[in-house]
Amino acid sequence: MLAVALTKQTSGVYSFVDQPLQTVLPQALNYAELRIQRDLDFLQARTSNNYTLISGSNLFSVPINDFLILETLEILQESGSTVVSSMPLTPVSREFIQNCYSGASQGGTPRFFAMYGDTFGDGANTSINVLLGPQPNYAFPIRVTGVIRL
């Protein structure tokens, strides 16, 4: 049985004095807002950011607050500060990259990517990790396109 005490405010609106509900309510609203944004596919929620890959590392981390959903990754070819062309990466499974580009494989320009999850071991979601294949042999500029929180 849920015991809820109602108190009358001067405006005629009743307010709930229920500590467990008040603790869970912000999390429930946050979940609902994110669910609506994922399901309704708002055009304003799409954006892109540019990053730089780390040479010799096939793990690319995007800060968790930058995107809700990653959609595309593109290697940029720049001339000065102007983007001359871009090469989109093909999404594949983690197993494909692990089988084809693991161990002592040669580096090169990444052509494939796979979602790998968030940061491991710390209990907090701080980064979205992406596996790249082959591992970059240069600090390539990369454009990430995805959905942000409005």
N, C-alpha and C. Protein backbone atom coordinates (compact mmCIF):
# COMPACT_ATOMS: atom_id res chain seq x y z
N MET A 1 0.85 -1.18 0.00
CA MET A 1 0.00 0.00 0.00
C MET A 1 0.89 1.23 0.00
N LEU A 2 0.61 2.15 -0.87
CA LEU A 2 1.41 3.36 -1.02
C LEU A 2 0.78 4.46 -0.18
N ALA A 3 1.53 4.96 0.75
CA ALA A 3 1.04 6.05 1.60
C ALA A 3 1.53 7.36 1.02
N VAL A 4 0.60 8.17 0.58
CA VAL A 4 0.94 9.46 -0.01
C VAL A 4 0.18 10.53 0.76
N ALA A 5 0.90 11.53 1.21
CA ALA A 5 0.27 12.64 1.91
C ALA A 5 0.07 13.78 0.93
N LEU A 6 -1.13 14.31 0.89
CA LEU A 6 -1.42 15.44 0.02
C LEU A 6 -1.45 16.71 0.86
N THR A 7 -0.86 17.76 0.33
CA THR A 7 -0.90 19.05 1.01
C THR A 7 -1.49 20.06 0.05
N LYS A 8 -2.40 20.89 0.53
CA LYS A 8 -3.07 21.88 -0.31
C LYS A 8 -2.20 23.12 -0.39
N GLN A 9 -1.91 23.55 -1.59
CA GLN A 9 -1.15 24.77 -1.82
C GLN A 9 -2.14 25.93 -1.98
N THR A 10 -1.64 27.13 -1.94
CA THR A 10 -2.51 28.30 -2.09
C THR A 10 -3.11 28.40 -3.48
N SER A 11 -2.47 27.79 -4.48
CA SER A 11 -2.99 27.86 -5.85
C SER A 11 -4.07 26.82 -6.11
N GLY A 12 -4.36 25.97 -5.16
CA GLY A 12 -5.38 24.95 -5.35
C GLY A 12 -4.82 23.67 -5.96
N VAL A 13 -3.51 23.58 -6.14
CA VAL A 13 -2.88 22.40 -6.70
C VAL A 13 -2.35 21.56 -5.56
N TYR A 14 -2.58 20.26 -5.64
CA TYR A 14 -2.09 19.36 -4.62
C TYR A 14 -0.68 18.90 -4.97
N SER A 15 0.19 18.83 -4.00
CA SER A 15 1.53 18.31 -4.25
C SER A 15 1.72 17.01 -3.48
N PHE A 16 2.48 16.12 -4.04
CA PHE A 16 2.74 14.83 -3.42
C PHE A 16 3.96 14.93 -2.53
N VAL A 17 3.88 14.31 -1.37
CA VAL A 17 5.03 14.20 -0.49
C VAL A 17 5.35 12.71 -0.39
N ASP A 18 6.06 12.22 -1.40
CA ASP A 18 6.41 10.81 -1.48
C ASP A 18 7.87 10.72 -1.91
N GLN A 19 8.76 10.46 -0.97
CA GLN A 19 10.19 10.48 -1.24
C GLN A 19 10.64 9.49 -2.31
N PRO A 20 10.21 8.22 -2.28
CA PRO A 20 10.65 7.30 -3.35
C PRO A 20 10.23 7.78 -4.74
N LEU A 21 9.02 8.30 -4.86
CA LEU A 21 8.56 8.80 -6.14
C LEU A 21 9.38 10.00 -6.58
N GLN A 22 9.68 10.90 -5.67
CA GLN A 22 10.45 12.10 -6.02
C GLN A 22 11.89 11.74 -6.39
N THR A 23 12.39 10.63 -5.88
CA THR A 23 13.74 10.19 -6.23
C THR A 23 13.77 9.60 -7.63
N VAL A 24 12.75 8.84 -8.00
CA VAL A 24 12.71 8.14 -9.28
C VAL A 24 12.18 9.02 -10.41
N LEU A 25 11.37 10.02 -10.10
CA LEU A 25 10.72 10.83 -11.12
C LEU A 25 11.68 11.50 -12.10
N PRO A 26 12.79 12.13 -11.68
CA PRO A 26 13.71 12.72 -12.67
C PRO A 26 14.30 11.68 -13.63
N GLN A 27 14.60 10.48 -13.13
CA GLN A 27 15.13 9.43 -13.99
C GLN A 27 14.06 8.97 -14.99
N ALA A 28 12.82 8.88 -14.56
CA ALA A 28 11.74 8.46 -15.44
C ALA A 28 11.50 9.50 -16.54
N LEU A 29 11.55 10.78 -16.19
CA LEU A 29 11.38 11.83 -17.19
C LEU A 29 12.53 11.84 -18.18
N ASN A 30 13.75 11.66 -17.70
CA ASN A 30 14.91 11.60 -18.56
C ASN A 30 14.79 10.43 -19.54
N TYR A 31 14.40 9.27 -19.05
CA TYR A 31 14.22 8.11 -19.92
C TYR A 31 13.16 8.38 -20.98
N ALA A 32 12.04 8.99 -20.57
CA ALA A 32 10.95 9.26 -21.52
C ALA A 32 11.40 10.25 -22.60
N GLU A 33 12.12 11.30 -22.21
CA GLU A 33 12.60 12.29 -23.19
C GLU A 33 13.55 11.64 -24.19
N LEU A 34 14.49 10.82 -23.71
CA LEU A 34 15.43 10.16 -24.61
C LEU A 34 14.71 9.17 -25.53
N ARG A 35 13.73 8.47 -25.01
CA ARG A 35 12.97 7.50 -25.82
C ARG A 35 12.22 8.21 -26.92
N ILE A 36 11.60 9.34 -26.61
CA ILE A 36 10.87 10.11 -27.61
C ILE A 36 11.83 10.58 -28.71
N GLN A 37 13.00 11.07 -28.32
CA GLN A 37 13.96 11.56 -29.30
C GLN A 37 14.49 10.43 -30.19
N ARG A 38 14.68 9.24 -29.62
CA ARG A 38 15.15 8.12 -30.44
C ARG A 38 14.07 7.63 -31.39
N ASP A 39 12.83 7.59 -30.93
CA ASP A 39 11.75 7.01 -31.72
C ASP A 39 11.19 7.95 -32.79
N LEU A 40 11.17 9.25 -32.53
CA LEU A 40 10.54 10.18 -33.47
C LEU A 40 11.47 10.70 -34.55
N ASP A 41 12.77 10.53 -34.41
CA ASP A 41 13.72 10.86 -35.46
C ASP A 41 13.62 12.33 -35.89
N PHE A 42 13.88 13.25 -34.98
CA PHE A 42 13.83 14.68 -35.28
C PHE A 42 15.02 15.08 -36.15
N LEU A 43 14.76 15.86 -37.19
CA LEU A 43 15.82 16.32 -38.08
C LEU A 43 16.80 17.24 -37.35
N GLN A 44 16.30 18.06 -36.42
CA GLN A 44 17.15 18.98 -35.68
C GLN A 44 18.13 18.27 -34.78
N ALA A 45 17.89 17.00 -34.49
CA ALA A 45 18.76 16.25 -33.59
C ALA A 45 19.98 15.67 -34.30
N ARG A 46 20.07 15.85 -35.62
CA ARG A 46 21.21 15.32 -36.38
C ARG A 46 22.29 16.37 -36.49
N THR A 47 23.51 15.97 -36.21
CA THR A 47 24.65 16.89 -36.32
C THR A 47 25.91 16.08 -36.57
N SER A 48 27.02 16.78 -36.76
CA SER A 48 28.30 16.09 -36.94
C SER A 48 29.39 16.85 -36.20
N ASN A 49 30.40 16.11 -35.77
CA ASN A 49 31.58 16.67 -35.11
C ASN A 49 32.82 16.08 -35.77
N ASN A 50 33.88 16.85 -35.78
CA ASN A 50 35.16 16.36 -36.31
C ASN A 50 36.09 16.01 -35.15
N TYR A 51 36.82 14.92 -35.32
CA TYR A 51 37.79 14.43 -34.34
C TYR A 51 39.06 14.06 -35.08
N THR A 52 40.08 13.66 -34.33
CA THR A 52 41.32 13.17 -34.91
C THR A 52 41.60 11.79 -34.34
N LEU A 53 41.87 10.83 -35.23
CA LEU A 53 42.19 9.47 -34.79
C LEU A 53 43.60 9.42 -34.20
N ILE A 54 43.84 8.43 -33.37
CA ILE A 54 45.17 8.21 -32.80
C ILE A 54 45.88 7.16 -33.64
N SER A 55 47.04 7.51 -34.13
CA SER A 55 47.81 6.58 -34.97
C SER A 55 48.19 5.34 -34.17
N GLY A 56 47.98 4.16 -34.76
CA GLY A 56 48.36 2.91 -34.13
C GLY A 56 47.33 2.34 -33.17
N SER A 57 46.19 2.99 -33.00
CA SER A 57 45.14 2.49 -32.10
C SER A 57 43.88 2.24 -32.91
N ASN A 58 43.34 1.02 -32.83
CA ASN A 58 42.12 0.73 -33.57
C ASN A 58 40.86 1.02 -32.76
N LEU A 59 41.01 1.59 -31.57
CA LEU A 59 39.88 1.96 -30.73
C LEU A 59 39.71 3.47 -30.75
N PHE A 60 38.55 3.92 -31.20
CA PHE A 60 38.22 5.34 -31.29
C PHE A 60 37.13 5.63 -30.29
N SER A 61 37.36 6.58 -29.39
CA SER A 61 36.39 6.91 -28.34
C SER A 61 35.75 8.26 -28.59
N VAL A 62 34.43 8.29 -28.51
CA VAL A 62 33.65 9.53 -28.65
C VAL A 62 33.05 9.82 -27.29
N PRO A 63 33.21 11.04 -26.75
CA PRO A 63 32.61 11.36 -25.45
C PRO A 63 31.10 11.11 -25.45
N ILE A 64 30.60 10.54 -24.39
CA ILE A 64 29.21 10.11 -24.29
C ILE A 64 28.23 11.28 -24.42
N ASN A 65 28.67 12.48 -24.05
CA ASN A 65 27.78 13.63 -24.12
C ASN A 65 27.70 14.25 -25.52
N ASP A 66 28.52 13.78 -26.45
CA ASP A 66 28.49 14.33 -27.81
C ASP A 66 27.34 13.78 -28.64
N PHE A 67 27.02 12.50 -28.48
CA PHE A 67 25.99 11.86 -29.30
C PHE A 67 25.18 10.86 -28.48
N LEU A 68 23.90 10.71 -28.86
CA LEU A 68 23.08 9.61 -28.34
C LEU A 68 23.29 8.38 -29.21
N ILE A 69 23.31 8.59 -30.52
CA ILE A 69 23.43 7.50 -31.48
C ILE A 69 24.45 7.92 -32.55
N LEU A 70 25.43 7.07 -32.80
CA LEU A 70 26.37 7.30 -33.89
C LEU A 70 25.80 6.67 -35.15
N GLU A 71 25.82 7.42 -36.25
CA GLU A 71 25.27 6.89 -37.50
C GLU A 71 26.34 6.62 -38.54
N THR A 72 27.17 7.62 -38.85
CA THR A 72 28.18 7.44 -39.88
C THR A 72 29.52 7.99 -39.41
N LEU A 73 30.58 7.42 -39.95
CA LEU A 73 31.94 7.90 -39.74
C LEU A 73 32.58 8.08 -41.10
N GLU A 74 33.31 9.18 -41.28
CA GLU A 74 33.97 9.47 -42.56
C GLU A 74 35.40 9.92 -42.29
N ILE A 75 36.34 9.35 -43.02
CA ILE A 75 37.72 9.83 -43.00
C ILE A 75 37.78 11.05 -43.91
N LEU A 76 38.30 12.15 -43.41
CA LEU A 76 38.35 13.40 -44.17
C LEU A 76 39.71 13.58 -44.83
N GLN A 77 39.71 14.08 -46.03
CA GLN A 77 40.92 14.47 -46.74
C GLN A 77 40.90 15.99 -46.77
N GLU A 78 41.85 16.62 -46.08
CA GLU A 78 41.85 18.06 -45.94
C GLU A 78 43.01 18.69 -46.70
N SER A 79 42.78 19.91 -47.14
CA SER A 79 43.83 20.74 -47.70
C SER A 79 43.82 22.03 -46.89
N GLY A 80 44.75 22.13 -45.95
CA GLY A 80 44.70 23.24 -45.00
C GLY A 80 43.56 23.00 -44.04
N SER A 81 42.63 23.94 -43.97
CA SER A 81 41.46 23.77 -43.09
C SER A 81 40.20 23.45 -43.89
N THR A 82 40.36 23.21 -45.20
CA THR A 82 39.22 22.91 -46.07
C THR A 82 39.15 21.41 -46.34
N VAL A 83 37.95 20.84 -46.20
CA VAL A 83 37.74 19.42 -46.50
C VAL A 83 37.63 19.27 -48.01
N VAL A 84 38.54 18.50 -48.59
CA VAL A 84 38.57 18.27 -50.04
C VAL A 84 37.63 17.13 -50.40
N SER A 85 37.71 16.03 -49.66
CA SER A 85 36.84 14.88 -49.91
C SER A 85 36.70 14.08 -48.63
N SER A 86 35.78 13.15 -48.65
CA SER A 86 35.59 12.28 -47.50
C SER A 86 35.34 10.86 -47.97
N MET A 87 35.76 9.91 -47.13
CA MET A 87 35.57 8.50 -47.45
C MET A 87 34.77 7.86 -46.32
N PRO A 88 33.49 7.52 -46.58
CA PRO A 88 32.69 6.91 -45.52
C PRO A 88 33.20 5.52 -45.14
N LEU A 89 33.14 5.21 -43.85
CA LEU A 89 33.53 3.89 -43.37
C LEU A 89 32.31 2.97 -43.40
N THR A 90 32.54 1.71 -43.68
CA THR A 90 31.47 0.72 -43.78
C THR A 90 31.24 0.07 -42.41
N PRO A 91 29.98 0.06 -41.92
CA PRO A 91 29.71 -0.61 -40.65
C PRO A 91 29.76 -2.13 -40.81
N VAL A 92 30.46 -2.79 -39.89
CA VAL A 92 30.58 -4.25 -39.88
C VAL A 92 30.44 -4.72 -38.44
N SER A 93 30.56 -6.02 -38.23
CA SER A 93 30.49 -6.57 -36.88
C SER A 93 31.86 -6.47 -36.20
N ARG A 94 31.85 -6.51 -34.88
CA ARG A 94 33.12 -6.52 -34.12
C ARG A 94 33.96 -7.72 -34.50
N GLU A 95 33.30 -8.86 -34.69
CA GLU A 95 34.01 -10.09 -35.01
C GLU A 95 34.76 -9.98 -36.34
N PHE A 96 34.18 -9.29 -37.32
CA PHE A 96 34.85 -9.09 -38.60
C PHE A 96 36.17 -8.34 -38.40
N ILE A 97 36.12 -7.25 -37.65
CA ILE A 97 37.34 -6.47 -37.42
C ILE A 97 38.34 -7.26 -36.58
N GLN A 98 37.86 -7.97 -35.56
CA GLN A 98 38.77 -8.76 -34.72
C GLN A 98 39.43 -9.89 -35.50
N ASN A 99 38.70 -10.50 -36.41
CA ASN A 99 39.27 -11.60 -37.20
C ASN A 99 40.18 -11.12 -38.33
N CYS A 100 39.82 -10.03 -38.96
CA CYS A 100 40.59 -9.57 -40.13
C CYS A 100 41.70 -8.59 -39.79
N TYR A 101 41.57 -7.86 -38.70
CA TYR A 101 42.53 -6.78 -38.42
C TYR A 101 43.11 -6.85 -37.01
N SER A 102 43.16 -8.01 -36.40
CA SER A 102 43.72 -8.10 -35.05
C SER A 102 45.19 -8.51 -35.11
N GLY A 103 45.84 -8.45 -33.98
CA GLY A 103 47.23 -8.89 -33.91
C GLY A 103 48.17 -7.92 -34.58
N ALA A 104 49.11 -8.44 -35.33
CA ALA A 104 50.17 -7.63 -35.93
C ALA A 104 49.81 -7.20 -37.35
N SER A 105 48.55 -6.87 -37.57
CA SER A 105 48.18 -6.46 -38.92
C SER A 105 48.74 -5.08 -39.23
N GLN A 106 48.96 -4.85 -40.50
CA GLN A 106 49.50 -3.57 -40.95
C GLN A 106 48.46 -2.47 -40.77
N GLY A 107 48.94 -1.29 -40.45
CA GLY A 107 48.04 -0.15 -40.36
C GLY A 107 47.75 0.40 -41.74
N GLY A 108 46.81 1.30 -41.80
CA GLY A 108 46.43 1.92 -43.07
C GLY A 108 45.31 2.90 -42.83
N THR A 109 44.62 3.23 -43.89
CA THR A 109 43.44 4.10 -43.77
C THR A 109 42.26 3.23 -43.37
N PRO A 110 41.60 3.55 -42.25
CA PRO A 110 40.45 2.74 -41.83
C PRO A 110 39.37 2.72 -42.91
N ARG A 111 38.78 1.55 -43.13
CA ARG A 111 37.70 1.39 -44.10
C ARG A 111 36.43 0.86 -43.45
N PHE A 112 36.57 0.25 -42.24
CA PHE A 112 35.44 -0.37 -41.57
C PHE A 112 35.36 0.13 -40.13
N PHE A 113 34.14 0.09 -39.57
CA PHE A 113 33.98 0.39 -38.15
C PHE A 113 32.91 -0.52 -37.56
N ALA A 114 33.04 -0.74 -36.26
CA ALA A 114 32.06 -1.53 -35.51
C ALA A 114 31.87 -0.90 -34.14
N MET A 115 30.64 -0.83 -33.70
CA MET A 115 30.36 -0.30 -32.36
C MET A 115 30.89 -1.31 -31.33
N TYR A 116 31.59 -0.79 -30.34
CA TYR A 116 32.22 -1.67 -29.37
C TYR A 116 31.67 -1.50 -27.96
N GLY A 117 30.92 -0.46 -27.69
CA GLY A 117 30.33 -0.27 -26.37
C GLY A 117 30.91 0.94 -25.67
N ASP A 118 30.61 1.03 -24.38
CA ASP A 118 31.09 2.18 -23.62
C ASP A 118 32.41 1.86 -22.92
N THR A 119 32.88 2.79 -22.12
CA THR A 119 34.13 2.60 -21.40
C THR A 119 33.96 1.48 -20.40
N PHE A 120 34.92 0.59 -20.34
CA PHE A 120 34.80 -0.60 -19.52
C PHE A 120 35.52 -0.46 -18.19
N GLY A 121 34.97 -1.08 -17.16
CA GLY A 121 35.67 -1.22 -15.90
C GLY A 121 35.46 -0.12 -14.89
N ASP A 122 34.96 1.04 -15.30
CA ASP A 122 34.83 2.10 -14.32
C ASP A 122 33.40 2.27 -13.81
N GLY A 123 32.45 1.54 -14.39
CA GLY A 123 31.07 1.61 -13.93
C GLY A 123 30.33 2.86 -14.39
N ALA A 124 30.97 3.70 -15.17
CA ALA A 124 30.34 4.92 -15.66
C ALA A 124 30.42 4.96 -17.17
N ASN A 125 29.41 5.50 -17.78
CA ASN A 125 29.42 5.67 -19.22
C ASN A 125 30.09 6.99 -19.54
N THR A 126 31.33 6.96 -19.99
CA THR A 126 32.06 8.18 -20.30
C THR A 126 32.38 8.30 -21.77
N SER A 127 32.43 7.20 -22.51
CA SER A 127 32.76 7.23 -23.92
C SER A 127 32.00 6.15 -24.67
N ILE A 128 31.77 6.42 -25.96
CA ILE A 128 31.25 5.42 -26.88
C ILE A 128 32.46 4.93 -27.66
N ASN A 129 32.76 3.66 -27.57
CA ASN A 129 33.95 3.11 -28.23
C ASN A 129 33.59 2.48 -29.57
N VAL A 130 34.44 2.73 -30.56
CA VAL A 130 34.26 2.23 -31.91
C VAL A 130 35.55 1.54 -32.33
N LEU A 131 35.45 0.32 -32.86
CA LEU A 131 36.61 -0.39 -33.40
C LEU A 131 36.80 0.01 -34.85
N LEU A 132 38.04 0.21 -35.26
CA LEU A 132 38.36 0.57 -36.63
C LEU A 132 39.19 -0.52 -37.28
N GLY A 133 38.98 -0.74 -38.55
CA GLY A 133 39.79 -1.71 -39.28
C GLY A 133 40.11 -1.19 -40.66
N PRO A 134 41.37 -1.23 -41.05
CA PRO A 134 42.56 -1.48 -40.24
C PRO A 134 42.85 -0.32 -39.31
N GLN A 135 43.76 -0.56 -38.38
CA GLN A 135 44.09 0.52 -37.45
C GLN A 135 44.78 1.66 -38.20
N PRO A 136 44.50 2.90 -37.83
CA PRO A 136 45.08 4.03 -38.56
C PRO A 136 46.60 4.10 -38.40
N ASN A 137 47.29 4.36 -39.50
CA ASN A 137 48.74 4.53 -39.44
C ASN A 137 49.13 6.01 -39.45
N TYR A 138 48.13 6.86 -39.30
CA TYR A 138 48.31 8.30 -39.33
C TYR A 138 47.19 8.90 -38.49
N ALA A 139 47.37 10.10 -37.99
CA ALA A 139 46.32 10.77 -37.21
C ALA A 139 45.30 11.39 -38.17
N PHE A 140 44.46 10.53 -38.75
CA PHE A 140 43.47 10.98 -39.73
C PHE A 140 42.39 11.83 -39.07
N PRO A 141 41.95 12.89 -39.74
CA PRO A 141 40.75 13.58 -39.27
C PRO A 141 39.53 12.75 -39.63
N ILE A 142 38.54 12.72 -38.74
CA ILE A 142 37.35 11.92 -38.96
C ILE A 142 36.12 12.74 -38.59
N ARG A 143 35.06 12.58 -39.38
CA ARG A 143 33.78 13.25 -39.10
C ARG A 143 32.81 12.19 -38.62
N VAL A 144 32.18 12.46 -37.49
CA VAL A 144 31.16 11.55 -36.94
C VAL A 144 29.82 12.26 -37.05
N THR A 145 28.84 11.57 -37.61
CA THR A 145 27.48 12.09 -37.73
C THR A 145 26.57 11.24 -36.89
N GLY A 146 25.64 11.89 -36.19
CA GLY A 146 24.74 11.13 -35.35
C GLY A 146 23.65 11.99 -34.77
N VAL A 147 22.96 11.43 -33.81
CA VAL A 147 21.83 12.07 -33.14
C VAL A 147 22.31 12.59 -31.79
N ILE A 148 21.96 13.85 -31.51
CA ILE A 148 22.32 14.45 -30.23
C ILE A 148 21.06 14.61 -29.38
N ARG A 149 21.26 14.90 -28.13
CA ARG A 149 20.13 15.20 -27.26
C ARG A 149 19.74 16.65 -27.44
N LEU A 150 18.47 16.90 -27.70
CA LEU A 150 18.00 18.26 -27.92
C LEU A 150 17.92 19.04 -26.63
